[in-house]
Amino acid sequence: MKINTHSDELELDLYLKIIDYFQKEKVTREEIEIWKNKSIIELMKFLEGSQNRTLVTNALILILSLFEDIPPDIYNNRGVNINRISQKDKRFLIEDLKEEFLPN
């Protein structure tokens, strides 16, 4: 991904390049990794010259959000399915939560 620093719409152009690559069909996982790594290097070089930290941060977040197989947060896959808890345990949990969070 080449960053066109002479563009009037630098931010929009950058985001569109990321999204366009994401929408490409028939791209292998290896090609994606190479593109992603080159893009990150380009963003770091751009940051050195421009000090536009917000743009680089947002571009990195977009790249990682689209191309990484990571959960949205650490709690995404944790916990117990509420449908697998017995009614007795549900009542017990609700009472504990009330004691902890509701004023006496």
N, C-alpha and C. Protein backbone atom coordinates (compact mmCIF):
# COMPACT_ATOMS: atom_id res chain seq x y z
N MET A 1 0.85 -1.17 0.00
CA MET A 1 0.00 0.00 0.00
C MET A 1 0.90 1.23 0.00
N LYS A 2 0.75 2.04 -1.00
CA LYS A 2 1.50 3.29 -1.06
C LYS A 2 0.62 4.41 -0.52
N ILE A 3 1.17 5.20 0.36
CA ILE A 3 0.43 6.33 0.93
C ILE A 3 0.72 7.56 0.08
N ASN A 4 -0.32 8.11 -0.52
CA ASN A 4 -0.19 9.29 -1.36
C ASN A 4 -0.29 10.53 -0.49
N THR A 5 0.85 11.09 -0.11
CA THR A 5 0.87 12.24 0.80
C THR A 5 0.45 13.53 0.12
N HIS A 6 0.32 13.51 -1.19
CA HIS A 6 -0.06 14.73 -1.91
C HIS A 6 -1.57 14.80 -2.17
N SER A 7 -2.29 13.86 -1.65
CA SER A 7 -3.74 13.82 -1.87
C SER A 7 -4.45 14.79 -0.92
N ASP A 8 -5.49 15.43 -1.44
CA ASP A 8 -6.31 16.31 -0.60
C ASP A 8 -7.14 15.50 0.38
N GLU A 9 -7.46 14.29 0.01
CA GLU A 9 -8.27 13.40 0.83
C GLU A 9 -7.40 12.23 1.33
N LEU A 10 -6.28 12.56 1.96
CA LEU A 10 -5.31 11.56 2.39
C LEU A 10 -5.95 10.49 3.27
N GLU A 11 -6.70 10.90 4.26
CA GLU A 11 -7.30 9.95 5.20
C GLU A 11 -8.29 9.02 4.49
N LEU A 12 -9.17 9.59 3.69
CA LEU A 12 -10.15 8.79 2.96
C LEU A 12 -9.46 7.83 1.99
N ASP A 13 -8.46 8.32 1.26
CA ASP A 13 -7.72 7.47 0.32
C ASP A 13 -7.08 6.29 1.04
N LEU A 14 -6.50 6.55 2.19
CA LEU A 14 -5.84 5.50 2.96
C LEU A 14 -6.83 4.42 3.40
N TYR A 15 -7.96 4.85 3.95
CA TYR A 15 -8.97 3.89 4.41
C TYR A 15 -9.54 3.10 3.23
N LEU A 16 -9.75 3.77 2.11
CA LEU A 16 -10.29 3.07 0.94
C LEU A 16 -9.32 2.03 0.41
N LYS A 17 -8.02 2.33 0.45
CA LYS A 17 -7.02 1.34 0.01
C LYS A 17 -7.08 0.10 0.88
N ILE A 18 -7.23 0.30 2.17
CA ILE A 18 -7.30 -0.84 3.10
C ILE A 18 -8.55 -1.66 2.81
N ILE A 19 -9.68 -0.99 2.67
CA ILE A 19 -10.94 -1.69 2.43
C ILE A 19 -10.94 -2.37 1.06
N ASP A 20 -10.38 -1.71 0.05
CA ASP A 20 -10.30 -2.32 -1.28
C ASP A 20 -9.50 -3.62 -1.25
N TYR A 21 -8.39 -3.61 -0.53
CA TYR A 21 -7.59 -4.83 -0.46
C TYR A 21 -8.35 -5.91 0.30
N PHE A 22 -9.06 -5.54 1.34
CA PHE A 22 -9.84 -6.49 2.11
C PHE A 22 -10.90 -7.17 1.24
N GLN A 23 -11.47 -6.44 0.30
CA GLN A 23 -12.54 -6.96 -0.54
C GLN A 23 -12.04 -7.78 -1.72
N LYS A 24 -10.72 -7.80 -1.94
CA LYS A 24 -10.16 -8.58 -3.04
C LYS A 24 -10.50 -10.05 -2.87
N GLU A 25 -10.83 -10.66 -3.97
CA GLU A 25 -11.10 -12.10 -3.94
C GLU A 25 -9.85 -12.85 -4.37
N LYS A 26 -9.80 -14.11 -4.00
CA LYS A 26 -8.71 -15.00 -4.40
C LYS A 26 -7.34 -14.50 -3.94
N VAL A 27 -7.26 -14.09 -2.70
CA VAL A 27 -5.99 -13.67 -2.12
C VAL A 27 -5.65 -14.69 -1.04
N THR A 28 -4.45 -15.23 -1.12
CA THR A 28 -4.06 -16.25 -0.14
C THR A 28 -3.72 -15.60 1.19
N ARG A 29 -3.71 -16.42 2.22
CA ARG A 29 -3.36 -15.93 3.57
C ARG A 29 -1.94 -15.37 3.57
N GLU A 30 -1.06 -15.99 2.82
CA GLU A 30 0.33 -15.52 2.74
C GLU A 30 0.40 -14.14 2.09
N GLU A 31 -0.35 -13.93 1.02
CA GLU A 31 -0.38 -12.62 0.35
C GLU A 31 -0.94 -11.55 1.29
N ILE A 32 -1.95 -11.92 2.05
CA ILE A 32 -2.54 -10.98 3.01
C ILE A 32 -1.50 -10.57 4.05
N GLU A 33 -0.77 -11.55 4.57
CA GLU A 33 0.25 -11.26 5.59
C GLU A 33 1.35 -10.36 5.04
N ILE A 34 1.77 -10.62 3.81
CA ILE A 34 2.79 -9.78 3.18
C ILE A 34 2.27 -8.36 3.00
N TRP A 35 1.04 -8.23 2.48
CA TRP A 35 0.45 -6.89 2.28
C TRP A 35 0.31 -6.17 3.61
N LYS A 36 -0.18 -6.88 4.60
CA LYS A 36 -0.39 -6.27 5.92
C LYS A 36 0.94 -5.78 6.51
N ASN A 37 1.97 -6.61 6.44
CA ASN A 37 3.26 -6.20 7.00
C ASN A 37 3.87 -5.02 6.24
N LYS A 38 3.76 -5.03 4.93
CA LYS A 38 4.26 -3.90 4.14
C LYS A 38 3.47 -2.63 4.46
N SER A 39 2.17 -2.77 4.65
CA SER A 39 1.33 -1.62 4.97
C SER A 39 1.70 -1.03 6.32
N ILE A 40 1.96 -1.88 7.29
CA ILE A 40 2.36 -1.40 8.61
C ILE A 40 3.69 -0.66 8.53
N ILE A 41 4.62 -1.19 7.76
CA ILE A 41 5.91 -0.51 7.57
C ILE A 41 5.69 0.86 6.93
N GLU A 42 4.84 0.91 5.89
CA GLU A 42 4.54 2.20 5.23
C GLU A 42 3.92 3.19 6.21
N LEU A 43 3.02 2.71 7.05
CA LEU A 43 2.39 3.60 8.04
C LEU A 43 3.41 4.13 9.04
N MET A 44 4.35 3.30 9.45
CA MET A 44 5.38 3.75 10.39
C MET A 44 6.29 4.79 9.74
N LYS A 45 6.63 4.58 8.48
CA LYS A 45 7.43 5.57 7.76
C LYS A 45 6.66 6.89 7.63
N PHE A 46 5.39 6.78 7.32
CA PHE A 46 4.54 7.98 7.21
C PHE A 46 4.47 8.71 8.54
N LEU A 47 4.36 7.97 9.61
CA LEU A 47 4.29 8.58 10.95
C LEU A 47 5.56 9.35 11.28
N GLU A 48 6.71 8.81 10.90
CA GLU A 48 7.98 9.50 11.15
C GLU A 48 8.01 10.87 10.48
N GLY A 49 7.48 10.95 9.26
CA GLY A 49 7.53 12.20 8.51
C GLY A 49 6.42 13.17 8.82
N SER A 50 5.25 12.67 9.21
CA SER A 50 4.11 13.56 9.34
C SER A 50 3.67 13.82 10.77
N GLN A 51 3.98 12.91 11.68
CA GLN A 51 3.54 12.99 13.07
C GLN A 51 2.01 12.96 13.19
N ASN A 52 1.33 12.44 12.18
CA ASN A 52 -0.13 12.33 12.21
C ASN A 52 -0.50 11.02 12.90
N ARG A 53 -0.38 11.03 14.20
CA ARG A 53 -0.57 9.82 15.02
C ARG A 53 -2.01 9.29 14.92
N THR A 54 -2.99 10.16 14.90
CA THR A 54 -4.39 9.72 14.85
C THR A 54 -4.68 8.95 13.57
N LEU A 55 -4.23 9.46 12.45
CA LEU A 55 -4.45 8.79 11.17
C LEU A 55 -3.81 7.40 11.16
N VAL A 56 -2.57 7.33 11.61
CA VAL A 56 -1.86 6.05 11.63
C VAL A 56 -2.52 5.08 12.60
N THR A 57 -2.90 5.56 13.76
CA THR A 57 -3.57 4.70 14.74
C THR A 57 -4.87 4.13 14.17
N ASN A 58 -5.67 4.98 13.56
CA ASN A 58 -6.94 4.53 12.99
C ASN A 58 -6.73 3.55 11.84
N ALA A 59 -5.72 3.79 11.02
CA ALA A 59 -5.42 2.88 9.92
C ALA A 59 -4.96 1.52 10.45
N LEU A 60 -4.14 1.53 11.48
CA LEU A 60 -3.69 0.27 12.09
C LEU A 60 -4.86 -0.50 12.70
N ILE A 61 -5.75 0.22 13.37
CA ILE A 61 -6.93 -0.43 13.95
C ILE A 61 -7.78 -1.05 12.85
N LEU A 62 -7.96 -0.34 11.76
CA LEU A 62 -8.75 -0.87 10.65
C LEU A 62 -8.10 -2.12 10.06
N ILE A 63 -6.80 -2.08 9.85
CA ILE A 63 -6.09 -3.25 9.31
C ILE A 63 -6.23 -4.44 10.24
N LEU A 64 -5.98 -4.22 11.51
CA LEU A 64 -6.06 -5.33 12.46
C LEU A 64 -7.48 -5.85 12.60
N SER A 65 -8.45 -4.96 12.56
CA SER A 65 -9.84 -5.38 12.68
C SER A 65 -10.28 -6.24 11.49
N LEU A 66 -9.82 -5.88 10.31
CA LEU A 66 -10.25 -6.59 9.12
C LEU A 66 -9.46 -7.87 8.85
N PHE A 67 -8.16 -7.85 9.13
CA PHE A 67 -7.29 -8.94 8.68
C PHE A 67 -6.83 -9.89 9.77
N GLU A 68 -7.14 -9.62 11.03
CA GLU A 68 -6.71 -10.51 12.11
C GLU A 68 -7.89 -11.33 12.60
N ASP A 69 -7.62 -12.54 13.00
CA ASP A 69 -8.66 -13.40 13.56
C ASP A 69 -8.59 -13.34 15.08
N ILE A 70 -8.83 -12.15 15.59
CA ILE A 70 -8.81 -11.98 17.04
C ILE A 70 -10.20 -11.58 17.50
N PRO A 71 -10.59 -12.01 18.69
CA PRO A 71 -11.92 -11.61 19.18
C PRO A 71 -11.97 -10.12 19.45
N PRO A 72 -13.17 -9.53 19.44
CA PRO A 72 -13.31 -8.09 19.65
C PRO A 72 -12.78 -7.62 21.01
N ASP A 73 -12.88 -8.47 22.02
CA ASP A 73 -12.32 -8.13 23.33
C ASP A 73 -12.03 -9.42 24.08
N ILE A 74 -11.38 -9.32 25.21
CA ILE A 74 -10.96 -10.52 25.92
C ILE A 74 -12.13 -11.29 26.52
N TYR A 75 -13.28 -10.66 26.62
CA TYR A 75 -14.43 -11.32 27.21
C TYR A 75 -15.35 -11.98 26.18
N ASN A 76 -15.00 -11.87 24.92
CA ASN A 76 -15.85 -12.37 23.85
C ASN A 76 -16.17 -13.86 23.97
N ASN A 77 -15.18 -14.66 24.30
CA ASN A 77 -15.38 -16.10 24.34
C ASN A 77 -15.33 -16.67 25.76
N ARG A 78 -15.48 -15.83 26.74
CA ARG A 78 -15.42 -16.29 28.12
C ARG A 78 -16.81 -16.38 28.71
N GLY A 79 -16.87 -17.02 29.86
CA GLY A 79 -18.13 -17.09 30.56
C GLY A 79 -18.85 -18.39 30.28
N VAL A 80 -20.04 -18.48 30.79
CA VAL A 80 -20.86 -19.68 30.67
C VAL A 80 -22.14 -19.30 29.96
N ASN A 81 -22.56 -20.15 29.06
CA ASN A 81 -23.81 -19.94 28.34
C ASN A 81 -24.96 -19.97 29.35
N ILE A 82 -25.75 -18.92 29.40
CA ILE A 82 -26.83 -18.78 30.38
C ILE A 82 -27.85 -19.92 30.26
N ASN A 83 -27.99 -20.47 29.07
CA ASN A 83 -28.94 -21.55 28.86
C ASN A 83 -28.47 -22.88 29.46
N ARG A 84 -27.21 -22.96 29.83
CA ARG A 84 -26.67 -24.20 30.39
C ARG A 84 -26.65 -24.17 31.92
N ILE A 85 -27.12 -23.09 32.52
CA ILE A 85 -27.13 -22.96 33.97
C ILE A 85 -28.52 -23.36 34.48
N SER A 86 -28.55 -24.11 35.55
CA SER A 86 -29.83 -24.54 36.12
C SER A 86 -30.57 -23.34 36.72
N GLN A 87 -31.87 -23.48 36.88
CA GLN A 87 -32.69 -22.41 37.45
C GLN A 87 -32.22 -22.06 38.87
N LYS A 88 -31.86 -23.05 39.63
CA LYS A 88 -31.38 -22.83 41.00
C LYS A 88 -30.11 -21.98 40.99
N ASP A 89 -29.17 -22.32 40.09
CA ASP A 89 -27.93 -21.55 40.00
C ASP A 89 -28.17 -20.13 39.49
N LYS A 90 -29.12 -19.97 38.58
CA LYS A 90 -29.46 -18.64 38.09
C LYS A 90 -29.96 -17.76 39.22
N ARG A 91 -30.88 -18.31 40.04
CA ARG A 91 -31.40 -17.52 41.18
C ARG A 91 -30.28 -17.15 42.14
N PHE A 92 -29.39 -18.10 42.40
CA PHE A 92 -28.27 -17.86 43.28
C PHE A 92 -27.37 -16.73 42.74
N LEU A 93 -27.07 -16.78 41.47
CA LEU A 93 -26.24 -15.74 40.84
C LEU A 93 -26.92 -14.37 40.89
N ILE A 94 -28.21 -14.35 40.62
CA ILE A 94 -28.95 -13.08 40.65
C ILE A 94 -28.94 -12.49 42.05
N GLU A 95 -29.13 -13.32 43.05
CA GLU A 95 -29.11 -12.83 44.44
C GLU A 95 -27.72 -12.30 44.80
N ASP A 96 -26.68 -13.00 44.40
CA ASP A 96 -25.32 -12.51 44.66
C ASP A 96 -25.07 -11.16 43.99
N LEU A 97 -25.51 -11.03 42.75
CA LEU A 97 -25.32 -9.77 42.04
C LEU A 97 -26.09 -8.63 42.69
N LYS A 98 -27.31 -8.92 43.13
CA LYS A 98 -28.09 -7.90 43.83
C LYS A 98 -27.38 -7.43 45.10
N GLU A 99 -26.86 -8.38 45.86
CA GLU A 99 -26.14 -8.03 47.10
C GLU A 99 -24.94 -7.15 46.80
N GLU A 100 -24.25 -7.47 45.73
CA GLU A 100 -23.03 -6.75 45.43
C GLU A 100 -23.28 -5.37 44.84
N PHE A 101 -24.30 -5.24 43.99
CA PHE A 101 -24.46 -4.00 43.25
C PHE A 101 -25.59 -3.09 43.70
N LEU A 102 -26.59 -3.63 44.36
CA LEU A 102 -27.70 -2.80 44.79
C LEU A 102 -27.47 -2.32 46.23
N PRO A 103 -27.82 -1.06 46.50
CA PRO A 103 -27.62 -0.57 47.87
C PRO A 103 -28.57 -1.27 48.83
N ASN A 104 -28.14 -1.42 50.07
CA ASN A 104 -28.97 -2.10 51.10
C ASN A 104 -30.08 -1.22 51.56
